[in-house]
Amino acid sequence: MEILPEPIAFQWDKGNLHKNITKHDVSWQEAEEACMNKPFVMAADREHSTNKERRMFALGKTNADRRLFIAFTIRRNKIRVISARDMTTAEKDAYEDFEEDS
């Protein structure tokens, strides 16, 4: 089981702030909300992890119930969002299974 650092804090790279809004129309505020709301389902992203940095991906929802897929890493006990976008249909279906079980 993966656990987020407590308290949850974020570290933003300026390039990712702009990339997520321009490419996926996801604001940094929405990405942060999705990390804090329940259920927040995450797993290791072995394909994109390296020996130096472990990557994670997660499914979460914003306060407005927007469903997001978030790729991130944890650096110095802070969540560093790499990418945030809307969930695909398959991801939404998987997320809804977690909501039903909550």
Protein backbone atom coordinates (compact mmCIF):
# COMPACT_ATOMS: atom_id res chain seq x y z
CA MET A 1 0.00 0.00 0.00
CA GLU A 2 1.27 3.45 -0.90
CA ILE A 3 0.92 6.35 1.50
CA LEU A 4 1.15 10.04 0.70
CA PRO A 5 3.30 12.25 2.91
CA GLU A 6 1.51 14.03 5.74
CA PRO A 7 0.70 16.84 5.66
CA ILE A 8 0.18 16.82 1.92
CA ALA A 9 2.27 19.52 0.25
CA PHE A 10 3.00 20.17 -3.41
CA GLN A 11 6.03 21.23 -5.40
CA TRP A 12 5.29 22.69 -8.83
CA ASP A 13 7.58 22.99 -11.82
CA LYS A 14 6.63 26.07 -13.86
CA GLY A 15 6.69 24.07 -17.09
CA ASN A 16 4.24 21.51 -15.75
CA LEU A 17 1.92 24.22 -14.44
CA HIS A 18 1.56 25.62 -17.95
CA LYS A 19 1.66 22.24 -19.75
CA ASN A 20 -1.27 20.83 -17.80
CA ILE A 21 -3.46 23.87 -18.39
CA THR A 22 -2.60 24.28 -22.08
CA LYS A 23 -2.45 20.61 -23.06
CA HIS A 24 -5.13 19.11 -20.81
CA ASP A 25 -7.09 22.13 -19.49
CA VAL A 26 -6.33 21.06 -15.90
CA SER A 27 -5.38 23.78 -13.41
CA TRP A 28 -2.90 23.20 -10.60
CA GLN A 29 -5.75 23.74 -8.14
CA GLU A 30 -7.77 20.90 -9.69
CA ALA A 31 -4.78 18.55 -9.61
CA GLU A 32 -4.24 19.31 -5.92
CA GLU A 33 -7.93 18.80 -5.12
CA ALA A 34 -7.88 15.39 -6.82
CA CYS A 35 -4.95 14.35 -4.63
CA MET A 36 -6.80 15.30 -1.46
CA ASN A 37 -10.30 13.95 -2.14
CA LYS A 38 -11.43 10.38 -1.52
CA PRO A 39 -11.17 7.93 -3.02
CA PHE A 40 -7.63 8.61 -4.21
CA VAL A 41 -6.40 5.47 -5.93
CA MET A 42 -2.69 5.25 -6.65
CA ALA A 43 -0.12 2.74 -7.82
CA ALA A 44 3.53 2.58 -8.81
CA ASP A 45 4.29 3.53 -12.41
CA ARG A 46 7.04 0.99 -13.01
CA GLU A 47 7.27 1.80 -16.72
CA HIS A 48 8.30 5.42 -16.07
CA SER A 49 10.22 4.95 -12.81
CA THR A 50 14.01 4.99 -12.68
CA ASN A 51 16.57 4.01 -10.06
CA LYS A 52 16.78 7.69 -9.09
CA GLU A 53 13.09 8.51 -9.04
CA ARG A 54 9.98 6.46 -8.45
CA ARG A 55 6.93 7.56 -10.39
CA MET A 56 3.34 7.04 -9.35
CA PHE A 57 -0.01 7.44 -11.02
CA ALA A 58 -3.36 8.03 -9.43
CA LEU A 59 -7.06 8.43 -10.09
CA GLY A 60 -8.91 11.09 -8.16
CA LYS A 61 -11.70 13.65 -8.37
CA THR A 62 -11.90 17.39 -7.92
CA ASN A 63 -14.36 19.24 -5.70
CA ALA A 64 -16.49 19.70 -8.83
CA ASP A 65 -16.41 15.90 -9.40
CA ARG A 66 -14.07 16.10 -12.41
CA ARG A 67 -12.25 12.76 -12.71
CA LEU A 68 -8.49 13.11 -13.21
CA PHE A 69 -5.53 10.85 -13.92
CA ILE A 70 -2.40 12.23 -12.26
CA ALA A 71 1.21 11.18 -12.79
CA PHE A 72 3.53 12.31 -10.01
CA THR A 73 6.60 11.66 -7.91
CA ILE A 74 7.40 12.50 -4.32
CA ARG A 75 10.42 14.72 -3.74
CA ARG A 76 11.49 15.85 -0.29
CA ASN A 77 8.08 14.80 1.11
CA LYS A 78 6.21 16.89 -1.46
CA ILE A 79 4.03 15.72 -4.31
CA ARG A 80 5.46 16.86 -7.64
CA VAL A 81 2.78 16.55 -10.32
CA ILE A 82 4.21 15.57 -13.68
CA SER A 83 0.97 15.43 -15.62
CA ALA A 84 -2.76 15.73 -14.96
CA ARG A 85 -5.52 14.97 -17.46
CA ASP A 86 -9.08 13.73 -17.62
CA MET A 87 -9.53 10.00 -17.03
CA THR A 88 -10.15 7.72 -19.98
CA THR A 89 -13.38 5.72 -20.05
CA ALA A 90 -11.57 2.61 -18.75
CA GLU A 91 -9.99 4.64 -15.93
CA LYS A 92 -13.40 6.07 -14.98
CA ASP A 93 -14.87 2.58 -14.85
CA ALA A 94 -12.05 1.38 -12.58
CA TYR A 95 -12.40 4.48 -10.38
CA GLU A 96 -16.15 3.97 -10.02
CA ASP A 97 -15.46 0.43 -8.74
CA PHE A 98 -13.35 1.97 -5.95
CA GLU A 99 -16.08 4.53 -5.17
CA GLU A 100 -18.66 1.77 -4.79
CA ASP A 101 -16.39 -0.11 -2.41
CA SER A 102 -15.73 3.00 -0.28
